[in-house]
Every structure is written in structure tokens, then in C-alpha cells.
N, C-alpha and C. Protein backbone atom coordinates (compact mmCIF):
# COMPACT_ATOMS: atom_id res chain seq x y z
N MET A 1 -9.27 65.89 -28.00
CA MET A 1 -9.11 64.03 -28.47
C MET A 1 -9.38 63.78 -27.30
N VAL A 2 -9.75 62.38 -28.10
CA VAL A 2 -10.88 61.71 -27.07
C VAL A 2 -9.55 60.43 -26.61
N SER A 3 -9.60 60.14 -25.59
CA SER A 3 -8.10 59.41 -25.22
C SER A 3 -8.79 57.40 -25.23
N VAL A 4 -7.96 56.36 -24.98
CA VAL A 4 -7.86 55.22 -25.71
C VAL A 4 -8.99 54.78 -24.47
N GLN A 5 -8.09 55.36 -23.03
CA GLN A 5 -9.82 54.70 -21.59
C GLN A 5 -11.08 55.42 -21.89
N GLN A 6 -11.05 56.60 -22.65
CA GLN A 6 -12.78 57.00 -22.21
C GLN A 6 -12.87 56.73 -24.03
N ALA A 7 -12.38 56.15 -24.63
CA ALA A 7 -12.91 55.41 -25.96
C ALA A 7 -13.46 54.12 -25.55
N VAL A 8 -12.50 53.55 -24.50
CA VAL A 8 -13.39 51.99 -23.82
C VAL A 8 -13.78 52.31 -23.10
N ARG A 9 -14.21 53.10 -22.26
CA ARG A 9 -15.47 53.20 -21.50
C ARG A 9 -16.78 53.58 -22.15
N VAL A 10 -16.81 54.48 -23.01
CA VAL A 10 -17.81 54.49 -24.31
C VAL A 10 -18.67 53.63 -24.59
N ILE A 11 -17.60 52.42 -24.99
CA ILE A 11 -17.61 50.82 -25.99
C ILE A 11 -18.25 50.67 -24.56
N VAL A 12 -17.76 50.14 -24.11
CA VAL A 12 -18.44 48.96 -22.97
C VAL A 12 -19.40 49.66 -22.24
N GLU A 13 -19.48 50.81 -22.10
CA GLU A 13 -20.79 51.06 -21.24
C GLU A 13 -22.02 50.94 -22.38
N GLU A 14 -21.72 50.76 -23.76
CA GLU A 14 -23.14 51.39 -24.79
C GLU A 14 -23.18 49.48 -24.91
N ASN A 15 -22.68 48.46 -24.89
CA ASN A 15 -22.61 47.36 -25.03
C ASN A 15 -22.44 46.73 -23.38
N PRO A 16 -24.40 46.20 -23.79
CA PRO A 16 -24.39 45.54 -22.25
C PRO A 16 -24.06 43.94 -22.36
N LEU A 17 -23.44 43.38 -23.38
CA LEU A 17 -22.90 42.15 -23.25
C LEU A 17 -21.52 42.56 -22.57
N TYR A 18 -20.87 43.78 -23.13
CA TYR A 18 -19.43 43.76 -23.23
C TYR A 18 -19.16 43.80 -21.26
N MET A 19 -20.69 44.93 -20.77
CA MET A 19 -20.51 45.69 -19.11
C MET A 19 -20.92 43.72 -18.52
N VAL A 20 -21.56 43.54 -18.81
CA VAL A 20 -22.22 41.86 -18.04
C VAL A 20 -20.78 41.33 -17.99
N THR A 21 -19.87 41.27 -19.11
CA THR A 21 -19.07 39.80 -18.90
C THR A 21 -17.63 40.82 -17.99
N LEU A 22 -17.47 41.85 -17.93
CA LEU A 22 -16.54 42.76 -17.56
C LEU A 22 -16.85 42.13 -15.56
N LEU A 23 -17.99 43.10 -15.51
CA LEU A 23 -18.60 42.81 -13.63
C LEU A 23 -19.11 41.28 -13.62
N SER A 24 -18.55 40.30 -14.51
CA SER A 24 -18.94 38.91 -14.06
C SER A 24 -17.45 38.51 -13.14
N GLY A 25 -16.22 39.42 -13.59
CA GLY A 25 -15.21 38.60 -13.70
C GLY A 25 -14.40 37.79 -14.69
N ILE A 26 -15.75 37.16 -15.36
CA ILE A 26 -15.62 36.21 -16.56
C ILE A 26 -14.63 36.32 -17.64
N ALA A 27 -14.28 37.72 -18.15
CA ALA A 27 -13.68 38.08 -18.91
C ALA A 27 -12.30 38.11 -19.64
N ASN A 28 -12.14 37.67 -21.22
CA ASN A 28 -10.88 37.46 -21.71
C ASN A 28 -10.67 38.92 -22.10
N LEU A 29 -9.68 40.17 -21.26
CA LEU A 29 -9.87 41.22 -21.67
C LEU A 29 -9.05 40.88 -23.29
N SER A 30 -8.13 40.39 -23.56
CA SER A 30 -7.87 40.62 -24.56
C SER A 30 -8.12 40.54 -25.71
N ALA A 31 -9.11 38.74 -25.62
CA ALA A 31 -10.81 38.97 -26.75
C ALA A 31 -11.31 40.53 -27.02
N ILE A 32 -11.70 40.74 -26.20
CA ILE A 32 -12.64 42.03 -25.79
C ILE A 32 -11.92 42.62 -26.81
N ALA A 33 -10.35 43.04 -26.35
CA ALA A 33 -9.86 44.13 -26.97
C ALA A 33 -9.35 43.74 -28.35
N ARG A 34 -9.44 43.01 -29.02
CA ARG A 34 -9.22 42.64 -30.56
C ARG A 34 -10.60 42.69 -31.07
N GLU A 35 -11.64 42.80 -30.82
CA GLU A 35 -13.37 42.60 -30.41
C GLU A 35 -13.60 44.58 -30.95
N ILE A 36 -13.26 44.79 -29.91
CA ILE A 36 -13.13 46.68 -29.84
C ILE A 36 -12.05 47.27 -30.38
N LYS A 37 -10.57 47.04 -31.12
CA LYS A 37 -9.74 47.58 -31.28
C LYS A 37 -10.29 48.76 -32.69
N PRO A 38 -11.05 48.21 -33.99
CA PRO A 38 -11.61 49.23 -34.79
C PRO A 38 -12.44 50.34 -34.13
N LEU A 39 -12.84 49.88 -33.16
CA LEU A 39 -13.83 51.12 -32.64
C LEU A 39 -13.79 51.90 -31.72
N VAL A 40 -12.68 51.06 -31.47
CA VAL A 40 -11.39 52.43 -30.11
C VAL A 40 -10.44 53.42 -31.36
N GLU A 41 -10.35 52.60 -32.38
CA GLU A 41 -9.57 53.44 -33.44
C GLU A 41 -10.66 54.60 -34.11
N SER A 42 -11.32 54.02 -34.24
CA SER A 42 -12.56 54.76 -35.08
C SER A 42 -12.61 55.97 -33.99
N ILE A 43 -12.62 56.21 -33.22
CA ILE A 43 -13.04 57.06 -31.86
C ILE A 43 -11.92 57.77 -31.25
N THR A 44 -10.87 57.46 -31.27
CA THR A 44 -9.75 57.93 -30.97
C THR A 44 -9.09 58.40 -32.34
N GLY A 45 -9.35 58.06 -33.07
CA GLY A 45 -8.72 58.52 -35.08
C GLY A 45 -7.54 58.57 -34.74
N LYS A 46 -6.60 57.36 -34.15
CA LYS A 46 -5.32 57.06 -34.28
C LYS A 46 -5.15 55.59 -34.15
N GLU A 47 -4.05 54.48 -34.35
CA GLU A 47 -3.72 53.60 -34.50
C GLU A 47 -3.65 53.33 -33.25
N VAL A 48 -4.46 52.28 -32.48
CA VAL A 48 -4.17 52.22 -30.95
C VAL A 48 -3.52 50.81 -30.85
N ASN A 49 -2.56 50.49 -30.03
CA ASN A 49 -1.42 49.26 -29.54
C ASN A 49 -3.13 48.54 -29.31
N LEU A 50 -2.94 46.72 -29.31
CA LEU A 50 -3.94 46.09 -28.73
C LEU A 50 -3.87 46.01 -26.81
N VAL A 51 -2.36 46.66 -27.11
CA VAL A 51 -2.17 46.20 -25.03
C VAL A 51 -2.65 47.40 -24.40
N THR A 52 -2.53 48.59 -24.96
CA THR A 52 -3.56 49.84 -24.33
C THR A 52 -5.01 49.31 -24.12
N ILE A 53 -5.52 48.76 -25.14
CA ILE A 53 -6.74 48.59 -24.55
C ILE A 53 -7.20 47.71 -23.65
N VAL A 54 -5.99 46.57 -23.75
CA VAL A 54 -6.36 45.89 -22.50
C VAL A 54 -6.15 46.38 -21.14
N LYS A 55 -4.86 46.79 -21.34
CA LYS A 55 -4.98 47.88 -20.09
C LYS A 55 -6.17 49.12 -19.59
N ALA A 56 -6.74 49.54 -20.79
CA ALA A 56 -7.85 49.97 -20.42
C ALA A 56 -8.85 49.93 -19.44
N LEU A 57 -9.07 48.32 -20.44
CA LEU A 57 -9.93 47.36 -20.07
C LEU A 57 -10.01 47.16 -18.77
N GLU A 58 -8.46 46.88 -18.05
CA GLU A 58 -8.23 46.21 -16.65
C GLU A 58 -8.77 47.18 -15.79
N ARG A 59 -8.26 48.73 -16.00
CA ARG A 59 -8.82 50.45 -15.52
C ARG A 59 -10.40 49.71 -14.86
N LEU A 60 -10.64 50.07 -16.03
CA LEU A 60 -12.60 49.86 -16.02
C LEU A 60 -12.87 48.67 -15.48
N THR A 61 -12.22 47.94 -15.33
CA THR A 61 -12.54 46.62 -14.13
C THR A 61 -12.22 46.95 -13.35
N LEU A 62 -11.46 47.36 -12.89
CA LEU A 62 -10.85 48.10 -11.55
C LEU A 62 -12.53 48.70 -10.45
N ARG A 63 -12.79 49.94 -11.66
CA ARG A 63 -13.44 50.62 -10.80
C ARG A 63 -14.72 50.08 -10.65
N LYS A 64 -15.26 49.04 -11.38
CA LYS A 64 -16.58 48.07 -11.07
C LYS A 64 -16.52 47.92 -10.31
N THR A 65 -17.28 47.33 -9.01
CA THR A 65 -17.22 45.95 -8.67
C THR A 65 -17.41 44.92 -9.36
N PRO A 66 -16.55 43.67 -9.56
CA PRO A 66 -16.78 42.80 -9.93
C PRO A 66 -17.92 41.98 -9.52
N ILE A 67 -18.58 41.38 -10.14
CA ILE A 67 -19.55 40.01 -9.26
C ILE A 67 -19.47 38.89 -9.57
N SER A 68 -18.72 38.67 -9.06
CA SER A 68 -18.69 37.03 -9.16
C SER A 68 -20.26 36.04 -9.71
N VAL A 69 -20.23 35.23 -10.73
CA VAL A 69 -21.72 34.83 -11.07
C VAL A 69 -21.90 33.94 -9.71
N LYS A 70 -21.08 33.54 -9.45
CA LYS A 70 -21.08 32.53 -8.17
C LYS A 70 -22.27 33.32 -6.36
N GLU A 71 -21.32 34.28 -7.12
CA GLU A 71 -21.96 35.15 -5.66
C GLU A 71 -23.58 35.60 -5.82
N LEU A 72 -23.88 36.02 -6.72
CA LEU A 72 -25.17 36.16 -7.26
C LEU A 72 -26.47 35.03 -7.36
N GLY A 73 -25.70 34.03 -7.87
CA GLY A 73 -26.40 32.68 -7.88
C GLY A 73 -26.62 32.62 -6.38
N GLU A 74 -26.13 32.10 -5.75
CA GLU A 74 -25.84 32.00 -3.58
C GLU A 74 -27.33 33.73 -3.43
N ALA A 75 -26.95 34.82 -3.45
CA ALA A 75 -27.96 35.90 -3.11
C ALA A 75 -28.83 35.88 -3.58
N LEU A 76 -29.34 35.43 -5.02
CA LEU A 76 -30.63 34.97 -5.59
C LEU A 76 -31.55 33.51 -5.09
N GLU A 77 -30.52 32.50 -4.59
CA GLU A 77 -31.52 31.79 -3.89
C GLU A 77 -31.88 32.13 -3.04
N ARG A 78 -30.86 32.89 -2.16
CA ARG A 78 -31.41 32.99 -0.61
C ARG A 78 -32.91 34.33 -0.57
N ALA A 79 -33.04 34.70 -1.87
CA ALA A 79 -34.08 36.35 -1.68
C ALA A 79 -34.84 35.16 -2.54
N GLU A 80 -36.03 36.28 -1.90
CA GLU A 80 -37.66 35.63 -2.29
C GLU A 80 -38.01 36.17 -3.59
N VAL A 81 -38.87 36.27 -4.61
CA VAL A 81 -39.25 36.73 -5.83
C VAL A 81 -40.53 37.07 -5.71
N VAL A 82 -40.99 37.95 -5.71
CA VAL A 82 -42.74 38.23 -5.61
C VAL A 82 -43.65 38.50 -6.86
N ILE A 83 -44.38 38.19 -7.90
CA ILE A 83 -44.61 38.93 -8.79
C ILE A 83 -45.81 39.56 -9.09
N PHE A 84 -46.23 40.91 -8.81
CA PHE A 84 -47.37 41.38 -8.94
C PHE A 84 -47.98 41.94 -10.69
N ASN A 85 -49.56 41.32 -10.75
CA ASN A 85 -49.46 41.05 -11.93
C ASN A 85 -50.49 42.66 -12.47
N GLY A 86 -50.74 43.51 -13.57
CA GLY A 86 -51.88 43.98 -13.67
C GLY A 86 -51.93 45.29 -12.73
N VAL A 87 -50.48 46.27 -12.67
CA VAL A 87 -50.25 46.81 -12.65
C VAL A 87 -49.96 48.17 -13.94
N ASP A 88 -50.24 49.39 -13.04
CA ASP A 88 -50.43 50.16 -14.21
C ASP A 88 -49.53 51.18 -13.66
N GLU A 89 -49.34 52.43 -14.52
CA GLU A 89 -48.60 53.70 -13.53
C GLU A 89 -49.98 55.21 -14.09
N VAL A 90 -49.76 56.55 -13.63
CA VAL A 90 -50.64 57.08 -13.67
C VAL A 90 -50.23 58.41 -13.08
N GLU A 91 -49.38 59.44 -14.35
CA GLU A 91 -49.18 60.48 -13.77
C GLU A 91 -50.33 61.32 -12.43
N LEU A 92 -49.35 62.11 -11.93
CA LEU A 92 -50.50 62.76 -10.78
C LEU A 92 -49.86 64.25 -11.04
N ASN A 93 -51.08 65.09 -10.89
CA ASN A 93 -50.79 66.72 -10.32
C ASN A 93 -50.67 66.58 -8.85
N LEU A 94 -50.08 68.06 -8.29
CA LEU A 94 -50.14 67.85 -6.73
C LEU A 94 -51.29 68.05 -6.47
N THR A 95 -52.29 68.65 -7.43
CA THR A 95 -53.73 68.68 -5.95
C THR A 95 -54.15 67.70 -6.01
N ASP A 96 -54.26 66.67 -7.50
CA ASP A 96 -55.01 65.05 -6.78
C ASP A 96 -53.90 64.28 -5.93
N VAL A 97 -52.69 64.61 -5.79
CA VAL A 97 -52.13 64.33 -4.96
C VAL A 97 -52.52 64.77 -3.37
N GLU A 98 -52.74 66.17 -3.25
CA GLU A 98 -52.99 66.90 -1.98
C GLU A 98 -54.61 65.93 -2.02
N ARG A 99 -55.94 65.71 -3.24
CA ARG A 99 -57.26 65.93 -2.15
C ARG A 99 -56.94 64.10 -2.03
N LEU A 100 -56.14 63.60 -2.91
CA LEU A 100 -56.11 62.11 -2.31
C LEU A 100 -55.84 61.63 -0.98
N TYR A 101 -54.58 62.96 -0.62
CA TYR A 101 -54.39 62.34 1.20
C TYR A 101 -55.32 62.93 1.65
N GLU A 102 -55.80 63.98 1.88
CA GLU A 102 -56.95 64.49 1.96
C GLU A 102 -57.63 63.34 2.44
N SER A 103 -58.39 63.00 1.47
CA SER A 103 -59.99 61.39 2.10
C SER A 103 -59.20 60.40 1.85
N HIS A 104 -57.59 59.97 2.34
CA HIS A 104 -57.18 59.09 3.12
C HIS A 104 -57.74 58.02 1.54
N VAL A 105 -57.46 58.45 0.61
CA VAL A 105 -57.57 57.27 -1.01
C VAL A 105 -55.98 57.21 -0.71
N LEU A 106 -55.00 57.69 -0.60
CA LEU A 106 -54.18 57.79 -0.89
C LEU A 106 -53.00 56.62 -0.23
N MET A 107 -53.88 56.74 1.16
CA MET A 107 -53.03 55.72 2.13
C MET A 107 -53.49 54.68 2.05
N GLU A 108 -54.41 54.13 1.73
CA GLU A 108 -54.98 52.91 1.56
C GLU A 108 -54.15 52.24 0.49
N LEU A 109 -54.23 53.22 -0.70
CA LEU A 109 -53.34 52.51 -1.87
C LEU A 109 -52.30 52.23 -1.90
N LEU A 110 -51.49 53.07 -0.01
CA LEU A 110 -50.52 52.60 -0.41
C LEU A 110 -49.76 51.94 0.27
N LYS A 111 -50.90 50.80 1.19
CA LYS A 111 -50.73 49.71 2.07
C LYS A 111 -50.70 48.64 1.25
N GLY A 112 -51.04 49.08 -0.05
CA GLY A 112 -50.95 47.32 -0.99
C GLY A 112 -49.63 47.04 -1.46
N TYR A 113 -49.02 46.90 -2.43
CA TYR A 113 -48.02 47.36 -3.59
C TYR A 113 -48.24 48.59 -4.27
N SER A 114 -48.20 49.24 -4.01
CA SER A 114 -47.84 50.43 -4.40
C SER A 114 -47.08 50.94 -4.51
N ILE A 115 -46.46 51.99 -5.80
CA ILE A 115 -45.09 52.77 -5.41
C ILE A 115 -45.28 54.59 -6.12
N LEU A 116 -44.38 55.03 -5.30
CA LEU A 116 -45.33 56.79 -5.52
C LEU A 116 -43.77 56.90 -5.29
N LEU A 117 -43.24 58.08 -6.95
CA LEU A 117 -42.48 58.13 -7.47
C LEU A 117 -42.40 59.79 -7.46
N THR A 118 -41.34 60.68 -7.34
CA THR A 118 -41.65 62.05 -7.70
C THR A 118 -39.67 62.03 -8.07
N ASP A 119 -40.38 63.72 -9.07
CA ASP A 119 -38.80 63.82 -8.93
C ASP A 119 -38.75 64.90 -9.28
N GLY A 120 -40.05 65.88 -8.08
CA GLY A 120 -39.34 66.95 -7.73
C GLY A 120 -40.82 68.07 -8.51
N GLU A 121 -41.01 67.67 -9.96
CA GLU A 121 -42.22 68.06 -10.83
C GLU A 121 -43.29 67.44 -10.75
N ARG A 122 -43.24 66.23 -10.98
CA ARG A 122 -43.85 65.34 -11.69
C ARG A 122 -44.41 63.94 -10.46
N ILE A 123 -45.04 63.59 -10.28
CA ILE A 123 -45.45 63.04 -9.67
C ILE A 123 -46.41 61.40 -10.57
N LYS A 124 -46.20 60.24 -10.18
CA LYS A 124 -45.74 58.97 -10.58
C LYS A 124 -46.05 57.91 -9.67
N LEU A 125 -47.55 56.90 -10.07
CA LEU A 125 -48.06 56.20 -8.47
C LEU A 125 -48.21 55.10 -9.55
N ILE A 126 -47.59 53.75 -9.18
CA ILE A 126 -47.80 52.80 -9.80
C ILE A 126 -48.51 52.24 -8.79
N ALA A 127 -49.19 51.38 -9.00
CA ALA A 127 -50.67 50.99 -8.78
C ALA A 127 -51.23 49.39 -9.45
N PRO A 128 -51.60 48.61 -8.45
CA PRO A 128 -52.48 47.67 -9.07
C PRO A 128 -54.12 48.50 -10.10
N VAL A 129 -54.23 48.16 -11.29
CA VAL A 129 -55.28 48.59 -12.14
C VAL A 129 -56.69 48.64 -11.69
N THR A 130 -56.78 47.41 -10.70
CA THR A 130 -58.33 47.63 -10.12
C THR A 130 -58.26 49.11 -9.47
N ALA A 131 -56.71 48.87 -8.29
CA ALA A 131 -56.68 50.51 -7.22
C ALA A 131 -56.92 51.64 -7.90
N LEU A 132 -56.78 51.94 -9.13
CA LEU A 132 -56.18 52.82 -9.92
C LEU A 132 -57.42 53.24 -10.48
N GLY A 133 -58.13 52.67 -10.83
CA GLY A 133 -59.26 52.43 -11.13
C GLY A 133 -60.31 53.48 -10.51
N LYS A 134 -59.91 53.34 -9.39
CA LYS A 134 -61.19 53.88 -8.59
C LYS A 134 -60.51 55.64 -7.60
N ILE A 135 -58.92 56.23 -9.03
CA ILE A 135 -59.02 57.53 -8.12
C ILE A 135 -58.87 57.77 -9.32
N VAL A 136 -58.10 57.46 -10.87
CA VAL A 136 -58.52 58.01 -11.77
C VAL A 136 -59.39 57.56 -12.61
N ASN A 137 -59.95 58.37 -13.74
CA ASN A 137 -60.88 57.56 -15.52
C ASN A 137 -59.78 57.29 -16.04
N SER A 138 -58.40 58.56 -16.37
CA SER A 138 -57.80 57.86 -17.60
C SER A 138 -56.55 57.01 -17.35
N ARG A 139 -56.27 56.60 -18.03
CA ARG A 139 -55.28 55.19 -17.72
C ARG A 139 -54.88 54.93 -19.09
N ASN A 140 -53.16 54.28 -19.05
CA ASN A 140 -52.64 54.43 -20.10
C ASN A 140 -52.82 53.37 -20.83
N GLY A 141 -53.85 52.25 -20.50
CA GLY A 141 -54.08 51.37 -20.96
C GLY A 141 -52.92 50.28 -20.70
N GLN A 142 -52.01 50.64 -20.78
CA GLN A 142 -50.76 48.90 -20.72
C GLN A 142 -50.54 48.54 -19.37
N GLU A 143 -50.67 47.15 -19.18
CA GLU A 143 -50.92 46.67 -17.61
C GLU A 143 -49.00 46.58 -18.16
N TYR A 144 -48.45 46.54 -16.52
CA TYR A 144 -47.57 45.95 -16.54
C TYR A 144 -47.59 44.79 -15.61
N SER A 145 -46.30 44.55 -15.19
CA SER A 145 -45.84 43.40 -13.59
C SER A 145 -44.84 44.01 -12.84
N LEU A 146 -45.26 43.97 -11.71
CA LEU A 146 -43.83 44.45 -10.67
C LEU A 146 -43.61 43.13 -9.96
N VAL A 147 -41.86 43.05 -10.15
CA VAL A 147 -40.99 42.27 -9.31
C VAL A 147 -40.57 42.63 -8.30
N ARG A 148 -40.68 42.51 -7.20
CA ARG A 148 -40.35 42.76 -6.15
C ARG A 148 -39.15 41.28 -5.91
N ILE A 149 -38.47 41.81 -5.51
CA ILE A 149 -37.22 40.47 -5.02
C ILE A 149 -36.89 41.11 -3.93
N ILE A 150 -37.18 40.49 -2.88
CA ILE A 150 -36.47 40.99 -1.66
C ILE A 150 -35.74 39.62 -1.32
N PHE A 151 -34.57 40.11 -0.08
CA PHE A 151 -33.32 39.76 0.41
C PHE A 151 -33.35 40.01 1.50
N GLY A 152 -32.51 38.79 1.80
CA GLY A 152 -32.57 38.29 3.43
C GLY A 152 -31.72 39.86 3.81
N GLU A 153 -30.93 39.52 3.35
CA GLU A 153 -30.09 40.75 4.47
C GLU A 153 -29.63 41.58 2.70
N ARG A 154 -28.64 42.72 3.02
CA ARG A 154 -28.83 43.24 1.95
C ARG A 154 -27.69 42.83 0.33
N ALA A 155 -28.85 43.33 -0.44
CA ALA A 155 -28.65 43.07 -2.20
C ALA A 155 -26.91 42.47 -2.48
N PRO A 156 -26.68 42.48 -2.95
CA PRO A 156 -24.92 42.68 -3.52
C PRO A 156 -24.74 43.26 -3.94
N VAL A 157 -23.65 43.82 -3.85
CA VAL A 157 -23.45 45.19 -4.44
C VAL A 157 -23.31 44.90 -6.45
N GLY A 158 -23.93 45.96 -7.24
CA GLY A 158 -23.57 46.26 -8.20
C GLY A 158 -25.03 45.25 -8.87
N PHE A 159 -25.59 44.31 -7.67
CA PHE A 159 -26.82 44.20 -8.76
C PHE A 159 -27.83 44.69 -9.66
N VAL A 160 -28.02 45.47 -8.78
CA VAL A 160 -28.85 46.44 -9.69
C VAL A 160 -28.16 46.19 -11.51
N THR A 161 -27.14 46.89 -11.29
CA THR A 161 -26.38 46.90 -12.80
C THR A 161 -26.49 46.37 -13.77
N PHE A 162 -25.87 44.46 -12.60
CA PHE A 162 -25.53 43.88 -13.48
C PHE A 162 -27.65 43.38 -14.09
N LEU A 163 -28.31 43.62 -13.35
CA LEU A 163 -30.07 42.98 -13.78
C LEU A 163 -29.88 44.09 -15.04
N VAL A 164 -29.67 45.50 -14.34
CA VAL A 164 -30.24 46.44 -16.09
C VAL A 164 -29.32 45.79 -17.48
N GLN A 165 -28.06 45.35 -17.18
CA GLN A 165 -27.08 45.16 -18.81
C GLN A 165 -27.53 43.67 -18.81
N LEU A 166 -28.32 42.32 -17.90
CA LEU A 166 -28.18 41.43 -18.23
C LEU A 166 -29.74 41.93 -18.82
N ALA A 167 -30.91 42.72 -18.54
CA ALA A 167 -31.98 42.81 -19.41
C ALA A 167 -31.75 43.60 -20.75
N ARG A 168 -31.05 44.19 -20.30
CA ARG A 168 -30.40 45.11 -21.63
C ARG A 168 -30.45 43.82 -22.96
N ALA A 169 -29.07 43.18 -22.29
CA ALA A 169 -28.64 42.01 -23.71
C ALA A 169 -29.26 41.29 -23.74
N SER A 170 -31.00 40.85 -22.54
CA SER A 170 -32.01 39.92 -23.40
C SER A 170 -32.60 40.64 -23.99
N GLY A 171 -32.85 42.09 -23.85
CA GLY A 171 -34.17 42.52 -24.79
C GLY A 171 -35.45 43.13 -23.69
N ILE A 172 -35.11 42.75 -22.79
CA ILE A 172 -36.15 42.98 -21.92
C ILE A 172 -36.12 44.41 -21.53
N THR A 173 -37.34 45.35 -21.76
CA THR A 173 -37.31 46.52 -21.51
C THR A 173 -37.99 47.50 -20.22
N ILE A 174 -36.57 47.62 -19.20
CA ILE A 174 -37.18 47.65 -17.93
C ILE A 174 -38.20 49.13 -17.85
N ARG A 175 -39.34 48.76 -16.99
CA ARG A 175 -39.76 50.39 -16.97
C ARG A 175 -38.89 51.13 -15.77
N HIS A 176 -39.05 50.90 -14.96
CA HIS A 176 -38.59 50.86 -13.33
C HIS A 176 -37.96 50.27 -12.83
N MET A 177 -36.23 50.29 -12.15
CA MET A 177 -35.77 49.72 -11.21
C MET A 177 -35.53 51.00 -9.85
N LEU A 178 -36.17 50.03 -8.92
CA LEU A 178 -35.89 50.96 -7.68
C LEU A 178 -35.16 50.43 -6.47
N ARG A 179 -33.89 50.12 -6.25
CA ARG A 179 -33.53 49.41 -4.68
C ARG A 179 -34.30 50.84 -3.10
N TYR A 180 -34.76 49.71 -2.29
CA TYR A 180 -35.00 50.26 -0.80
C TYR A 180 -34.80 49.17 0.04
N ASP A 181 -33.59 49.99 0.64
CA ASP A 181 -33.04 48.77 1.42
C ASP A 181 -32.49 47.33 1.11
N ASN A 182 -33.39 46.12 1.96
CA ASN A 182 -33.18 44.93 1.13
C ASN A 182 -34.13 44.16 0.04
N ASP A 183 -35.09 45.26 -0.68
CA ASP A 183 -35.95 45.11 -2.18
C ASP A 183 -34.98 45.46 -3.01
N VAL A 184 -35.95 44.51 -4.04
CA VAL A 184 -35.25 45.72 -5.44
C VAL A 184 -36.94 45.56 -6.55
N PHE A 185 -36.87 46.30 -6.72
CA PHE A 185 -38.67 46.36 -7.24
C PHE A 185 -38.46 46.68 -8.46
N ILE A 186 -38.77 46.24 -9.93
CA ILE A 186 -38.78 46.28 -11.24
C ILE A 186 -40.33 46.43 -11.53
N VAL A 187 -40.41 47.03 -12.67
CA VAL A 187 -41.77 47.25 -13.49
C VAL A 187 -41.40 46.97 -14.90
N VAL A 188 -42.07 45.81 -15.57
CA VAL A 188 -41.45 45.86 -16.43
C VAL A 188 -42.99 45.10 -17.56
N GLU A 189 -43.33 45.16 -18.41
CA GLU A 189 -44.47 44.85 -19.28
C GLU A 189 -44.25 43.42 -18.69
N ARG A 190 -46.08 43.02 -18.87
CA ARG A 190 -46.35 41.88 -18.08
C ARG A 190 -45.59 40.75 -18.79
N GLY A 191 -45.36 40.53 -20.45
CA GLY A 191 -44.57 39.19 -20.73
C GLY A 191 -43.43 39.25 -20.56
N TYR A 192 -42.48 40.55 -19.84
CA TYR A 192 -41.52 39.93 -19.50
C TYR A 192 -41.41 39.70 -17.76
N ALA A 193 -42.16 39.35 -17.16
CA ALA A 193 -41.42 39.31 -15.73
C ALA A 193 -41.41 37.82 -15.65
N ALA A 194 -41.65 36.71 -16.01
CA ALA A 194 -41.37 35.61 -15.90
C ALA A 194 -39.68 35.23 -16.58
N ALA A 195 -39.84 36.07 -17.91
CA ALA A 195 -38.23 36.09 -18.24
C ALA A 195 -37.09 36.80 -17.27
N LEU A 196 -37.68 38.05 -16.38
CA LEU A 196 -36.55 38.46 -15.81
C LEU A 196 -35.96 37.22 -14.62
């Protein structure tokens, strides 16, 4: 049996608009509770009191770190945003990486705005199309943009989550989003870079 708390959490996490509203700290919990009540009852299989849903939303909001829109705005005002167009990604095998490393081509690539990702089995290289053309013949043909947000100090807590939810609510597909120290790197389709 699914609890009311679990049902509310699933509904909120599946709907980016609810998540953004709750994270922003400007949510009318009663209005959201009225809106999601039929879904909660459907998931739990029983009639649920509106106050119970509001309490579940309050608990969920307390667990998530609320970000004020003002704090985000201030942080973004102080941040530098750089957009690199003409970026692509290729998947490399370990022998390719070893060959590139030994020939120092990989080190030259990584001096620019390239990103090397691995999950232990696969290795992806995100780099300018012109640079990738020097090392691999086959590309996927899709050009992306790399958006780099550079914060003077540490990025606000929850910024990446907020940005992901905002992008989902806006219909923007994020290919990769990485946070490293004070920087946030976002790889998106070229047309979405300016909107982001």
C-alpha cells in the first residue's frame, strides 16, 4: 500500500512545475493539494483528506532546500555566462583514449573547453566539432552548445536542481549538466542555449 506522503512525492517529482514552485518558496500548498488530490487518491486507492496532502507537501518542502527566487537572481547577476557553439560528443573506447593520451592529442583537446566523462565502462568526450574532427572520423552529426555558468563564489544550494526543473517546465532538453566547484556546465541543443 502506498502512503499519502509517497504518492505526493511521486506526483511532485514527476511534475516540474510543482517542483519549481515548491523549491522557489512561493507555493500555495492548499492550491497544489486541491490540484493533486484526485491523483493522490488514485495512487493510494482511498479517499484522502486535503489537510493530509497539505501536511505531506509541507514535509516535502522541508526536505528540499527552498531557494528564494531573489537569491537565485542575485547569484545569477554576479555569475558570468559563456556559451560555446559547435560542440559535439563522441563515445570512445579505452584503446582510443590511450592512443590519444600517448600522442598528447587528448591533452591539447582538454586545454580548451572540452569535457571528458566516464561511468567506468564508457568514455564520452564533449569538445568543439573542429577538434573532434582531428581525432575521430565518425560523429553523430548533431551540434550542441556548451553553456558555462561561472559563479564568483559557490553556486547556491539547489541551483542545479532548480535549473533542471525549470528547463523541463520550459520544454528544454538538457543533454548533460555538470557542476564542478564554482562552475555549472550545461550541454544543450544549439537552439536552446540562448533560451537557457
